[in-house]
């Protein structure tokens, strides 16, 4: 099954990975997840090193955000990129 994965910009922590948009199922909240350093960011307006968290030590289930998730959480104003996987 091919999935559409949304990403926003390059991670400010590692300056290498793309920040993919995921949904934290425990909190029903979207967050940006770096594909390289595994850092996460909850607030699109405060994506910086100080507001990051290491997703590997957090305990929650997550799935890739969908078009509907993005609309529901009012992030459809962001200029998101996407890839198919």
N, C-alpha and C. Protein backbone atom coordinates (compact mmCIF):
# COMPACT_ATOMS: atom_id res chain seq x y z
N UNK A 1 0.84 -1.19 0.00
CA UNK A 1 0.00 0.00 0.00
C UNK A 1 0.88 1.25 0.00
N UNK A 2 0.61 2.14 -0.90
CA UNK A 2 1.37 3.38 -1.00
C UNK A 2 0.75 4.42 -0.06
N UNK A 3 1.62 5.08 0.73
CA UNK A 3 1.17 6.12 1.65
C UNK A 3 1.70 7.47 1.20
N UNK A 4 0.93 8.50 1.48
CA UNK A 4 1.35 9.88 1.24
C UNK A 4 1.87 10.42 2.57
N UNK A 5 3.15 10.78 2.60
CA UNK A 5 3.77 11.30 3.81
C UNK A 5 4.07 12.79 3.64
N UNK A 6 3.62 13.57 4.60
CA UNK A 6 3.80 15.02 4.56
C UNK A 6 5.04 15.41 5.36
N UNK A 7 5.81 16.35 4.81
CA UNK A 7 6.93 16.89 5.56
C UNK A 7 6.95 18.40 5.41
N UNK A 8 7.53 19.07 6.41
CA UNK A 8 7.46 20.53 6.49
C UNK A 8 8.77 21.21 6.06
N UNK A 9 9.83 20.94 6.78
CA UNK A 9 11.12 21.55 6.47
C UNK A 9 12.24 20.73 7.09
N UNK A 10 13.46 21.20 6.98
CA UNK A 10 14.61 20.50 7.54
C UNK A 10 14.67 20.73 9.05
N UNK A 11 15.08 19.71 9.75
CA UNK A 11 15.19 19.76 11.21
C UNK A 11 16.28 20.74 11.65
N UNK A 12 15.96 21.65 12.59
CA UNK A 12 16.97 22.59 13.07
C UNK A 12 17.98 21.95 14.01
N UNK A 13 17.67 20.79 14.54
CA UNK A 13 18.58 20.12 15.48
C UNK A 13 19.76 19.48 14.74
N UNK A 14 19.48 18.72 13.69
CA UNK A 14 20.54 18.01 12.97
C UNK A 14 20.87 18.65 11.62
N UNK A 15 19.99 19.50 11.13
CA UNK A 15 20.16 20.16 9.83
C UNK A 15 20.30 19.18 8.67
N UNK A 16 19.73 17.99 8.81
CA UNK A 16 19.81 16.99 7.75
C UNK A 16 18.45 16.38 7.42
N UNK A 17 17.73 15.97 8.44
CA UNK A 17 16.48 15.25 8.22
C UNK A 17 15.30 16.14 7.94
N UNK A 18 14.34 15.56 7.23
CA UNK A 18 13.07 16.26 6.99
C UNK A 18 12.15 16.02 8.18
N UNK A 19 11.33 17.01 8.48
CA UNK A 19 10.36 16.90 9.57
C UNK A 19 9.04 16.40 9.00
N UNK A 20 8.79 15.11 9.21
CA UNK A 20 7.56 14.50 8.74
C UNK A 20 6.46 14.71 9.77
N UNK A 21 5.25 14.83 9.30
CA UNK A 21 4.11 15.08 10.16
C UNK A 21 3.47 13.77 10.59
N UNK A 22 3.40 13.56 11.90
CA UNK A 22 2.82 12.36 12.49
C UNK A 22 1.74 12.73 13.49
N UNK A 23 0.94 11.75 13.83
CA UNK A 23 -0.12 11.95 14.82
C UNK A 23 0.18 11.10 16.05
N UNK A 24 0.31 11.75 17.20
CA UNK A 24 0.46 11.07 18.47
C UNK A 24 -0.94 10.56 18.85
N UNK A 25 -1.12 9.25 18.82
CA UNK A 25 -2.44 8.68 19.07
C UNK A 25 -2.86 8.79 20.53
N UNK A 26 -1.92 8.84 21.44
CA UNK A 26 -2.25 8.95 22.87
C UNK A 26 -2.82 10.32 23.19
N UNK A 27 -2.29 11.37 22.55
CA UNK A 27 -2.73 12.74 22.81
C UNK A 27 -3.67 13.28 21.74
N UNK A 28 -3.83 12.54 20.64
CA UNK A 28 -4.58 13.02 19.48
C UNK A 28 -4.05 14.39 19.03
N UNK A 29 -2.73 14.45 18.89
CA UNK A 29 -2.05 15.70 18.56
C UNK A 29 -1.03 15.43 17.46
N UNK A 30 -0.89 16.36 16.53
CA UNK A 30 0.09 16.22 15.47
C UNK A 30 1.44 16.75 15.92
N UNK A 31 2.50 16.14 15.41
CA UNK A 31 3.84 16.62 15.70
C UNK A 31 4.74 16.38 14.51
N UNK A 32 5.84 17.09 14.46
CA UNK A 32 6.82 16.97 13.39
C UNK A 32 7.95 16.08 13.88
N UNK A 33 8.28 15.06 13.10
CA UNK A 33 9.25 14.04 13.50
C UNK A 33 10.41 14.01 12.51
N UNK A 34 11.63 14.19 13.02
CA UNK A 34 12.81 14.19 12.15
C UNK A 34 13.19 12.76 11.78
N UNK A 35 13.36 12.54 10.49
CA UNK A 35 13.71 11.22 9.99
C UNK A 35 15.14 10.82 10.32
N UNK A 36 16.00 11.77 10.68
CA UNK A 36 17.41 11.49 10.94
C UNK A 36 17.72 11.37 12.42
N UNK A 37 17.43 12.41 13.19
CA UNK A 37 17.85 12.45 14.59
C UNK A 37 16.75 12.05 15.57
N UNK A 38 15.55 11.76 15.06
CA UNK A 38 14.42 11.31 15.89
C UNK A 38 13.92 12.37 16.86
N UNK A 39 14.17 13.64 16.57
CA UNK A 39 13.63 14.73 17.38
C UNK A 39 12.21 15.02 16.96
N UNK A 40 11.39 15.49 17.89
CA UNK A 40 10.01 15.85 17.61
C UNK A 40 9.72 17.28 18.04
N UNK A 41 8.73 17.87 17.39
CA UNK A 41 8.31 19.24 17.66
C UNK A 41 6.79 19.29 17.55
N UNK A 42 6.14 19.86 18.56
CA UNK A 42 4.68 19.93 18.53
C UNK A 42 4.14 21.21 17.91
N UNK A 43 4.84 22.30 18.03
CA UNK A 43 4.32 23.60 17.58
C UNK A 43 5.04 24.05 16.31
N UNK A 44 4.30 24.18 15.22
CA UNK A 44 4.90 24.56 13.93
C UNK A 44 5.53 25.95 13.97
N UNK A 45 5.08 26.80 14.88
CA UNK A 45 5.62 28.15 14.98
C UNK A 45 6.84 28.23 15.89
N UNK A 46 7.13 27.14 16.62
CA UNK A 46 8.26 27.13 17.55
C UNK A 46 9.16 25.93 17.29
N UNK A 47 9.46 25.69 16.03
CA UNK A 47 10.35 24.59 15.69
C UNK A 47 11.78 25.09 15.84
N UNK A 48 12.36 24.81 17.01
CA UNK A 48 13.75 25.15 17.28
C UNK A 48 14.31 24.13 18.27
N UNK A 49 15.59 24.16 18.47
CA UNK A 49 16.26 23.16 19.31
C UNK A 49 15.68 23.14 20.72
N UNK A 50 15.39 24.29 21.27
CA UNK A 50 14.89 24.39 22.65
C UNK A 50 13.52 23.73 22.82
N UNK A 51 12.72 23.67 21.77
CA UNK A 51 11.37 23.11 21.86
C UNK A 51 11.28 21.70 21.30
N UNK A 52 12.40 21.01 21.19
CA UNK A 52 12.38 19.65 20.65
C UNK A 52 12.33 18.64 21.78
N UNK A 53 11.94 17.43 21.42
CA UNK A 53 11.99 16.31 22.37
C UNK A 53 12.48 15.09 21.61
N UNK A 54 13.10 14.17 22.32
CA UNK A 54 13.62 12.97 21.70
C UNK A 54 12.50 11.93 21.67
N UNK A 55 12.02 11.64 20.48
CA UNK A 55 10.86 10.74 20.34
C UNK A 55 11.16 9.32 20.80
N UNK A 56 12.42 8.92 20.79
CA UNK A 56 12.79 7.56 21.18
C UNK A 56 12.56 7.28 22.67
N UNK A 57 12.54 8.32 23.50
CA UNK A 57 12.34 8.10 24.93
C UNK A 57 10.90 8.40 25.37
N UNK A 58 10.09 8.88 24.47
CA UNK A 58 8.67 9.12 24.77
C UNK A 58 7.89 7.83 24.49
N UNK A 59 6.90 7.55 25.30
CA UNK A 59 6.10 6.35 25.09
C UNK A 59 4.71 6.71 24.58
N UNK A 60 4.54 6.58 23.26
CA UNK A 60 3.25 6.80 22.65
C UNK A 60 3.23 6.12 21.29
N UNK A 61 2.04 5.84 20.82
CA UNK A 61 1.85 5.27 19.49
C UNK A 61 1.66 6.42 18.51
N UNK A 62 2.20 6.27 17.31
CA UNK A 62 2.08 7.32 16.31
C UNK A 62 1.87 6.72 14.93
N UNK A 63 1.16 7.48 14.10
CA UNK A 63 0.95 7.10 12.70
C UNK A 63 1.18 8.35 11.85
N UNK A 64 1.44 8.15 10.58
CA UNK A 64 1.61 9.28 9.67
C UNK A 64 0.31 10.07 9.58
N UNK A 65 0.43 11.39 9.60
CA UNK A 65 -0.74 12.25 9.50
C UNK A 65 -1.35 12.17 8.10
N UNK A 66 -2.66 12.26 8.05
CA UNK A 66 -3.40 12.22 6.79
C UNK A 66 -3.87 13.63 6.42
N UNK A 67 -4.40 13.76 5.21
CA UNK A 67 -5.00 15.04 4.79
C UNK A 67 -6.07 15.48 5.79
N UNK A 68 -6.90 14.55 6.24
CA UNK A 68 -7.97 14.87 7.19
C UNK A 68 -7.40 15.32 8.53
N UNK A 69 -6.33 14.66 9.01
CA UNK A 69 -5.70 15.08 10.27
C UNK A 69 -5.20 16.51 10.17
N UNK A 70 -4.59 16.83 9.05
CA UNK A 70 -4.03 18.17 8.85
C UNK A 70 -5.14 19.23 8.87
N UNK A 71 -6.24 18.95 8.22
CA UNK A 71 -7.38 19.88 8.23
C UNK A 71 -7.98 19.99 9.62
N UNK A 72 -8.18 18.85 10.26
CA UNK A 72 -8.79 18.81 11.59
C UNK A 72 -7.98 19.59 12.62
N UNK A 73 -6.66 19.53 12.52
CA UNK A 73 -5.79 20.22 13.47
C UNK A 73 -5.36 21.60 12.98
N UNK A 74 -6.02 22.06 11.93
CA UNK A 74 -5.84 23.41 11.39
C UNK A 74 -4.39 23.72 11.00
N UNK A 75 -3.74 22.74 10.38
CA UNK A 75 -2.40 22.94 9.86
C UNK A 75 -2.39 23.03 8.34
N UNK A 76 -3.56 23.11 7.74
CA UNK A 76 -3.65 23.14 6.29
C UNK A 76 -3.14 24.45 5.70
N UNK A 77 -2.80 25.44 6.53
CA UNK A 77 -2.22 26.68 6.05
C UNK A 77 -0.72 26.60 5.85
N UNK A 78 -0.10 25.54 6.37
CA UNK A 78 1.35 25.37 6.21
C UNK A 78 1.67 24.92 4.79
N UNK A 79 2.82 25.31 4.31
CA UNK A 79 3.25 24.85 2.99
C UNK A 79 3.97 23.52 3.17
N UNK A 80 3.20 22.45 3.12
CA UNK A 80 3.74 21.11 3.32
C UNK A 80 4.16 20.49 2.01
N UNK A 81 5.21 19.73 2.06
CA UNK A 81 5.68 18.92 0.93
C UNK A 81 5.18 17.50 1.17
N UNK A 82 5.24 16.67 0.17
CA UNK A 82 4.87 15.28 0.40
C UNK A 82 5.65 14.35 -0.50
N UNK A 83 5.74 13.10 -0.04
CA UNK A 83 6.36 12.03 -0.81
C UNK A 83 5.44 10.82 -0.70
N UNK A 84 5.57 9.93 -1.64
CA UNK A 84 4.80 8.67 -1.58
C UNK A 84 5.76 7.56 -1.19
N UNK A 85 5.31 6.75 -0.27
CA UNK A 85 6.10 5.62 0.18
C UNK A 85 5.33 4.34 0.03
